[in-house]
Amino acid sequence: MDVCVIRARWRLVSGLLVASLLAVGCATTPYALPTHAETELTLRLQEGETQVERGRPNAWIDGFGHYFFSLFSKLVLLNWSVNNHDIPDDVEHALVQYMHTNGLCNTKVRLNQYAPGGEWRRLFRNREMPVGWRYTIGILSVARYTIIPERLFAGFPIPFIGSGGDHYNPYTNTVSIYSGNRSISLHEGGHAKDFAEIENRQWKGAYAGLRAVPYLGIPFALWQEAVASNDALSWDLATAGSPESKSAYRILYPAYATYVGGGAAEISGFFLPEWWMPYVVQFGTVAVGHVAGQTRALFEEKRAEGLEPLLAEMSACPVDGDVDETPEAPPADASEPAPAPTPDPSQMR
């Protein structure tokens, strides 16, 4: 193939990669609260069901998952907490704060938990997602969750399926977390918020389903990942100190680059002459993401707390045991003495 043609194609790929990477990382203030609340179609937690559930610790399963199956994902993101199957209480607390402030009161959160029965029930009960999408791609998503349990295999690259791991499933409205990392958990919460803000349920189904279509789904995936990352970065800017923001940039930038690089490699395989070139594109993009994240973290101004710390104390969700404290109007004769009768002028002498 002509050298000039190859150079032109490399320039095209490089330009697309740069443009895609620029889409992520825009932390903004003031923090944007959701404009659309849960509706009557929102899948509700059942009576007595807790929003957050943890998987029972298992040293063998969690150990194999952490020290063997997830090594590839740790290497790609250069972070030992990725898919480590150990979620600290502070990470759980940060995610719950985020979700309650954003009104995600019925989104299920599973921390290192394998619960196929619960996920199948949520899939069939979720009327907020149209039937056509639920009973096609939705069934495939829960079948994958069932057959390849990420409680063990999170982060392990499986041909034609992917590596799996932390994710939000819009068909069951469930956030599944396997990494003890604050930024990753907030990012997955950002996906739940993104879907919750879509009022039209038909578009919500298309927004989820089109992402799974080969090639056509690449821009949908890049957009959704950018939205979730930007919201997580903005939340840290509003509610946390600079160390949390720096950590977020260092992991969310390369994490987003994995999607950019994966999409670019998928497309470039059609016109790059050698089989190894798409891999160079893919992992080269991740390397650029690491450099960009580290660089952006260096420019984060030092601060002890967020710019809007009170946000983390807000909640749009009812607390268990809440009652309506608005007092009823007392009877007229109990609130104050009855007014004295007005004398009749005709009877006055």
Protein backbone atom coordinates (compact mmCIF):
# COMPACT_ATOMS: atom_id res chain seq x y z
CA MET A 1 0.00 0.00 0.00
CA ASP A 2 1.21 3.51 -0.79
CA VAL A 3 3.03 5.15 2.13
CA CYS A 4 1.15 8.41 1.63
CA VAL A 5 -2.17 6.59 1.91
CA ILE A 6 -1.10 4.89 5.13
CA ARG A 7 0.02 8.22 6.61
CA ALA A 8 -3.27 9.84 5.66
CA ARG A 9 -5.21 7.06 7.37
CA TRP A 10 -3.10 7.32 10.50
CA ARG A 11 -3.77 11.08 10.58
CA LEU A 12 -7.50 10.44 10.24
CA VAL A 13 -7.48 7.93 13.10
CA SER A 14 -5.36 10.23 15.26
CA GLY A 15 -7.68 13.18 14.66
CA LEU A 16 -10.74 11.15 15.60
CA LEU A 17 -9.04 9.91 18.76
CA VAL A 18 -8.07 13.40 19.88
CA ALA A 19 -11.58 14.71 19.22
CA SER A 20 -13.11 11.87 21.23
CA LEU A 21 -10.74 12.28 24.17
CA LEU A 22 -11.60 15.97 24.39
CA ALA A 23 -15.23 15.03 25.09
CA VAL A 24 -14.48 13.83 28.61
CA GLY A 25 -13.21 15.63 31.67
CA CYS A 26 -15.33 18.77 31.83
CA ALA A 27 -16.05 19.18 35.55
CA THR A 28 -18.51 22.05 35.89
CA THR A 29 -19.93 24.13 38.71
CA PRO A 30 -22.57 24.68 39.96
CA TYR A 31 -23.39 20.99 39.95
CA ALA A 32 -26.35 20.14 37.72
CA LEU A 33 -29.10 18.37 39.62
CA PRO A 34 -31.50 16.23 37.55
CA THR A 35 -34.43 17.93 35.86
CA HIS A 36 -36.58 14.80 35.67
CA ALA A 37 -37.70 12.78 38.68
CA GLU A 38 -38.75 9.15 38.96
CA THR A 39 -42.22 8.42 37.59
CA GLU A 40 -45.00 5.92 38.22
CA LEU A 41 -43.27 3.58 35.73
CA THR A 42 -40.00 3.58 37.67
CA LEU A 43 -39.17 0.10 38.98
CA ARG A 44 -39.73 0.35 42.74
CA LEU A 45 -37.86 -1.45 45.45
CA GLN A 46 -40.16 -4.00 47.03
CA GLU A 47 -41.43 -3.56 50.57
CA GLY A 48 -38.62 -4.27 53.01
CA GLU A 49 -35.98 -4.42 50.25
CA THR A 50 -32.80 -2.44 50.84
CA GLN A 51 -31.39 -0.33 48.05
CA VAL A 52 -27.80 -1.47 48.63
CA GLU A 53 -26.86 -5.14 48.96
CA ARG A 54 -23.44 -6.68 49.52
CA GLY A 55 -22.30 -10.09 48.42
CA ARG A 56 -21.24 -12.44 51.17
CA PRO A 57 -17.41 -12.42 51.44
CA ASN A 58 -15.72 -15.51 50.03
CA ALA A 59 -11.94 -15.60 50.31
CA TRP A 60 -11.48 -18.13 47.49
CA ILE A 61 -13.76 -16.51 44.92
CA ASP A 62 -12.75 -12.94 45.75
CA GLY A 63 -9.09 -13.93 45.89
CA PHE A 64 -9.10 -15.54 42.44
CA GLY A 65 -11.05 -12.60 41.05
CA HIS A 66 -8.71 -10.02 42.55
CA TYR A 67 -5.30 -11.65 42.08
CA PHE A 68 -5.85 -13.48 38.79
CA PHE A 69 -8.90 -12.75 36.66
CA SER A 70 -8.80 -8.96 37.05
CA LEU A 71 -5.07 -8.46 36.44
CA PHE A 72 -5.60 -7.33 32.85
CA SER A 73 -7.98 -4.54 33.87
CA LYS A 74 -5.61 -3.47 36.67
CA LEU A 75 -2.75 -3.29 34.19
CA VAL A 76 -4.74 -1.28 31.65
CA LEU A 77 -5.88 1.30 34.22
CA LEU A 78 -2.74 1.08 36.39
CA ASN A 79 -4.83 0.87 39.53
CA TRP A 80 -4.84 -1.98 42.05
CA SER A 81 -8.36 -1.19 43.30
CA VAL A 82 -9.95 -2.02 39.93
CA ASN A 83 -12.16 -5.11 40.27
CA ASN A 84 -10.57 -5.97 43.63
CA HIS A 85 -13.90 -7.26 45.01
CA ASP A 86 -13.46 -5.23 48.20
CA ILE A 87 -15.65 -2.13 48.43
CA PRO A 88 -14.85 0.04 51.48
CA ASP A 89 -17.63 1.65 53.50
CA ASP A 90 -16.57 5.15 52.43
CA VAL A 91 -16.98 4.22 48.75
CA GLU A 92 -20.45 2.84 49.47
CA HIS A 93 -21.32 5.97 51.45
CA ALA A 94 -20.14 8.27 48.64
CA LEU A 95 -22.23 6.39 46.07
CA VAL A 96 -25.35 6.43 48.26
CA GLN A 97 -24.92 10.18 48.87
CA TYR A 98 -24.61 10.76 45.13
CA MET A 99 -27.68 8.71 44.29
CA HIS A 100 -29.92 10.18 46.98
CA THR A 101 -28.99 13.76 46.10
CA ASN A 102 -29.82 13.00 42.46
CA GLY A 103 -33.14 11.36 43.32
CA LEU A 104 -32.10 7.83 42.31
CA CYS A 105 -34.13 6.34 45.14
CA ASN A 106 -35.09 3.03 43.51
CA THR A 107 -31.94 2.20 41.55
CA LYS A 108 -30.59 -1.08 42.91
CA VAL A 109 -26.94 -1.18 44.00
CA ARG A 110 -25.11 -4.51 44.22
CA LEU A 111 -21.67 -4.41 45.82
CA ASN A 112 -19.63 -7.45 44.79
CA GLN A 113 -22.82 -9.48 44.65
CA TYR A 114 -23.94 -12.25 42.31
CA ALA A 115 -27.75 -12.26 42.33
CA PRO A 116 -29.09 -13.68 39.04
CA GLY A 117 -32.54 -14.39 40.49
CA GLY A 118 -32.94 -10.81 41.62
CA GLU A 119 -31.78 -9.47 38.28
CA TRP A 120 -34.17 -11.63 36.27
CA ARG A 121 -37.04 -10.47 38.47
CA ARG A 122 -36.05 -6.84 38.02
CA LEU A 123 -35.81 -7.32 34.25
CA PHE A 124 -39.35 -8.69 33.99
CA ARG A 125 -40.79 -6.06 36.34
CA ASN A 126 -39.10 -3.01 34.82
CA ARG A 127 -41.97 -1.33 32.92
CA GLU A 128 -39.88 1.80 32.42
CA MET A 129 -37.96 -0.02 29.69
CA PRO A 130 -40.04 -0.98 26.60
CA VAL A 131 -40.82 -4.68 26.18
CA GLY A 132 -39.10 -4.96 22.80
CA TRP A 133 -35.74 -3.88 24.20
CA ARG A 134 -36.14 -5.73 27.50
CA TYR A 135 -36.95 -9.10 25.95
CA THR A 136 -34.14 -8.97 23.40
CA ILE A 137 -30.97 -7.16 24.44
CA GLY A 138 -32.15 -7.02 28.04
CA ILE A 139 -32.42 -10.81 28.21
CA LEU A 140 -28.96 -11.14 26.66
CA SER A 141 -27.47 -8.76 29.23
CA VAL A 142 -28.91 -10.66 32.20
CA ALA A 143 -28.01 -14.01 30.59
CA ARG A 144 -24.41 -12.87 30.36
CA TYR A 145 -24.54 -11.74 33.99
CA THR A 146 -25.88 -15.19 34.91
CA ILE A 147 -23.58 -17.40 32.81
CA ILE A 148 -20.34 -15.42 33.34
CA PRO A 149 -20.53 -14.20 36.95
CA GLU A 150 -18.53 -11.01 37.32
CA ARG A 151 -18.26 -11.78 41.01
CA LEU A 152 -15.37 -13.96 39.77
CA PHE A 153 -14.57 -12.91 36.18
CA ALA A 154 -14.78 -9.10 36.41
CA GLY A 155 -11.98 -7.59 34.35
CA PHE A 156 -11.08 -10.83 32.56
CA PRO A 157 -11.00 -10.36 28.75
CA ILE A 158 -13.21 -12.96 27.08
CA PRO A 159 -13.17 -13.04 23.23
CA PHE A 160 -16.28 -11.56 21.56
CA ILE A 161 -17.80 -10.78 24.99
CA GLY A 162 -15.42 -8.35 26.66
CA SER A 163 -13.97 -8.02 30.11
CA GLY A 164 -17.03 -7.00 32.12
CA GLY A 165 -16.80 -5.51 35.59
CA ASP A 166 -18.40 -2.45 37.15
CA HIS A 167 -21.46 -1.46 35.16
CA TYR A 168 -24.98 -0.06 35.11
CA ASN A 169 -27.69 -2.20 33.53
CA PRO A 170 -30.54 0.04 32.28
CA TYR A 171 -32.78 -2.98 31.64
CA THR A 172 -32.86 -3.81 35.36
CA ASN A 173 -31.95 -0.34 36.67
CA THR A 174 -29.08 -1.85 38.67
CA VAL A 175 -25.59 -0.58 39.46
CA SER A 176 -23.09 -3.41 40.01
CA ILE A 177 -19.77 -2.51 41.65
CA TYR A 178 -16.72 -4.78 42.00
CA SER A 179 -14.01 -2.12 42.47
CA GLY A 180 -13.14 -0.43 45.72
CA ASN A 181 -12.74 2.88 43.93
CA ARG A 182 -14.82 5.98 44.61
CA SER A 183 -14.49 7.45 41.12
CA ILE A 184 -15.54 4.26 39.36
CA SER A 185 -18.62 3.85 41.56
CA LEU A 186 -19.66 7.48 40.99
CA HIS A 187 -19.18 7.00 37.24
CA GLU A 188 -21.59 4.04 37.27
CA GLY A 189 -24.04 6.11 39.28
CA GLY A 190 -23.69 8.74 36.57
CA HIS A 191 -25.02 6.25 34.03
CA ALA A 192 -28.10 5.68 36.21
CA LYS A 193 -28.66 9.44 36.42
CA ASP A 194 -28.21 9.82 32.66
CA PHE A 195 -30.92 7.25 31.94
CA ALA A 196 -33.23 8.56 34.66
CA GLU A 197 -33.29 11.98 33.01
CA ILE A 198 -34.78 10.56 29.80
CA GLU A 199 -38.54 11.09 30.08
CA ASN A 200 -39.62 9.24 26.94
CA ARG A 201 -39.46 5.50 27.63
CA GLN A 202 -39.21 4.62 23.91
CA TRP A 203 -36.12 6.80 23.53
CA LYS A 204 -34.77 5.33 26.78
CA GLY A 205 -35.00 1.88 25.22
CA ALA A 206 -33.32 3.04 22.02
CA TYR A 207 -30.65 4.90 23.99
CA ALA A 208 -29.75 1.63 25.71
CA GLY A 209 -30.26 -0.76 22.82
CA LEU A 210 -28.49 1.10 20.03
CA ARG A 211 -25.29 1.05 22.05
CA ALA A 212 -25.17 -2.73 21.58
CA VAL A 213 -25.33 -2.51 17.77
CA PRO A 214 -21.89 -3.17 16.20
CA TYR A 215 -20.23 -0.01 14.82
CA LEU A 216 -23.45 2.03 15.08
CA GLY A 217 -23.23 1.78 18.85
CA ILE A 218 -19.75 3.33 19.10
CA PRO A 219 -20.91 7.00 19.21
CA PHE A 220 -23.66 6.08 21.69
CA ALA A 221 -21.12 4.39 23.95
CA LEU A 222 -18.68 7.30 23.76
CA TRP A 223 -21.43 9.81 24.51
CA GLN A 224 -22.80 7.86 27.48
CA GLU A 225 -19.35 7.28 28.96
CA ALA A 226 -18.49 10.97 28.60
CA VAL A 227 -21.72 12.05 30.30
CA ALA A 228 -21.18 9.68 33.23
CA SER A 229 -17.52 10.66 33.68
CA ASN A 230 -18.24 14.37 33.47
CA ASP A 231 -20.95 14.08 36.10
CA ALA A 232 -18.66 12.10 38.44
CA LEU A 233 -15.92 14.72 38.03
CA SER A 234 -18.39 17.54 38.65
CA TRP A 235 -19.72 15.81 41.77
CA ASP A 236 -16.19 15.53 43.17
CA LEU A 237 -15.57 19.18 42.39
CA ALA A 238 -18.75 20.11 44.26
CA THR A 239 -18.56 17.81 47.27
CA ALA A 240 -14.99 16.53 47.79
CA GLY A 241 -11.47 17.83 48.21
CA SER A 242 -8.76 18.06 45.58
CA PRO A 243 -7.28 14.60 46.38
CA GLU A 244 -10.54 12.95 45.30
CA SER A 245 -10.66 15.03 42.11
CA LYS A 246 -7.06 14.20 41.26
CA SER A 247 -7.74 10.49 41.73
CA ALA A 248 -10.83 10.77 39.54
CA TYR A 249 -8.93 12.36 36.66
CA ARG A 250 -6.19 9.73 36.91
CA ILE A 251 -8.58 6.82 36.45
CA LEU A 252 -11.58 8.18 34.52
CA TYR A 253 -9.49 9.62 31.68
CA PRO A 254 -7.76 6.31 30.81
CA ALA A 255 -11.01 4.43 31.46
CA TYR A 256 -12.73 6.60 28.86
CA ALA A 257 -9.75 6.10 26.54
CA THR A 258 -10.41 2.34 26.59
CA TYR A 259 -13.76 3.01 24.88
CA VAL A 260 -12.24 5.47 22.43
CA GLY A 261 -9.39 3.11 21.63
CA GLY A 262 -11.68 0.09 21.36
CA GLY A 263 -13.99 1.86 18.93
CA ALA A 264 -11.09 3.21 16.88
CA ALA A 265 -9.48 -0.22 16.69
CA GLU A 266 -12.77 -1.75 15.58
CA ILE A 267 -13.14 0.73 12.74
CA SER A 268 -9.47 1.04 11.74
CA GLY A 269 -9.23 -2.72 11.25
CA PHE A 270 -11.00 -2.19 7.91
CA PHE A 271 -8.36 0.03 6.35
CA LEU A 272 -5.08 -0.42 8.24
CA PRO A 273 -2.93 -2.89 6.30
CA GLU A 274 -1.42 -4.94 9.14
CA TRP A 275 -3.28 -7.01 11.76
CA TRP A 276 -1.30 -5.53 14.63
CA MET A 277 -2.03 -1.89 13.84
CA PRO A 278 -5.51 -1.77 15.46
CA TYR A 279 -3.91 -2.97 18.71
CA VAL A 280 -1.41 -0.13 18.49
CA VAL A 281 -4.32 2.26 18.06
CA GLN A 282 -6.22 0.77 20.99
CA PHE A 283 -3.46 0.63 23.58
CA GLY A 284 -1.82 3.78 22.31
CA THR A 285 -5.07 5.60 23.00
CA VAL A 286 -5.14 4.26 26.55
CA ALA A 287 -1.57 5.50 27.04
CA VAL A 288 -2.63 8.94 25.86
CA GLY A 289 -5.53 8.78 28.30
CA HIS A 290 -3.14 8.11 31.16
CA VAL A 291 -0.94 11.05 30.18
CA ALA A 292 -3.98 13.32 29.85
CA GLY A 293 -5.38 12.24 33.22
CA GLN A 294 -2.09 12.70 35.05
CA THR A 295 -1.59 16.08 33.41
CA ARG A 296 -5.08 17.29 34.24
CA ALA A 297 -4.65 16.17 37.86
CA LEU A 298 -1.52 18.34 38.16
CA PHE A 299 -3.56 21.45 37.35
CA GLU A 300 -6.27 20.73 39.94
CA GLU A 301 -6.18 23.50 42.53
CA LYS A 302 -5.70 22.41 46.11
CA ARG A 303 -8.83 22.52 48.25
CA ALA A 304 -9.87 20.89 51.51
CA GLU A 305 -13.51 20.40 50.54
CA GLY A 306 -15.85 20.75 47.62
CA LEU A 307 -17.18 24.02 46.26
CA GLU A 308 -20.74 23.02 47.20
CA PRO A 309 -20.30 20.81 50.31
CA LEU A 310 -23.95 21.02 51.35
CA LEU A 311 -24.95 19.05 48.26
CA ALA A 312 -23.76 15.83 49.89
CA GLU A 313 -26.17 16.43 52.76
CA MET A 314 -29.21 16.80 50.51
CA SER A 315 -31.51 13.92 49.73
CA ALA A 316 -34.44 13.64 47.38
CA CYS A 317 -35.27 10.19 48.78
CA PRO A 318 -37.52 9.44 51.75
CA VAL A 319 -35.83 8.05 54.83
CA ASP A 320 -37.24 4.86 56.35
CA GLY A 321 -39.73 5.76 59.00
CA ASP A 322 -40.39 9.25 57.69
CA VAL A 323 -43.86 10.55 58.43
CA ASP A 324 -45.64 13.63 57.29
CA GLU A 325 -44.82 16.15 59.98
CA THR A 326 -47.15 18.78 58.66
CA PRO A 327 -49.56 19.38 61.59
CA GLU A 328 -53.22 19.09 60.94
CA ALA A 329 -55.28 22.18 61.53
CA PRO A 330 -56.66 21.97 65.09
CA PRO A 331 -60.37 22.35 65.71
CA ALA A 332 -61.47 25.91 66.01
CA ASP A 333 -62.55 25.50 69.63
CA ALA A 334 -59.22 23.94 70.58
CA SER A 335 -56.82 26.42 69.03
CA GLU A 336 -58.04 29.58 70.75
CA PRO A 337 -61.01 30.85 72.68
CA ALA A 338 -64.11 31.53 70.64
CA PRO A 339 -64.47 35.22 69.79
CA ALA A 340 -66.89 37.23 71.87
CA PRO A 341 -70.31 37.70 70.22
CA THR A 342 -70.83 41.00 68.49
CA PRO A 343 -73.59 42.98 70.17
CA ASP A 344 -76.75 43.71 68.14
CA PRO A 345 -77.08 47.51 67.74
CA SER A 346 -80.87 47.20 67.78
CA GLN A 347 -80.75 45.90 71.30
CA MET A 348 -78.45 48.63 72.60
CA ARG A 349 -80.05 51.35 74.71
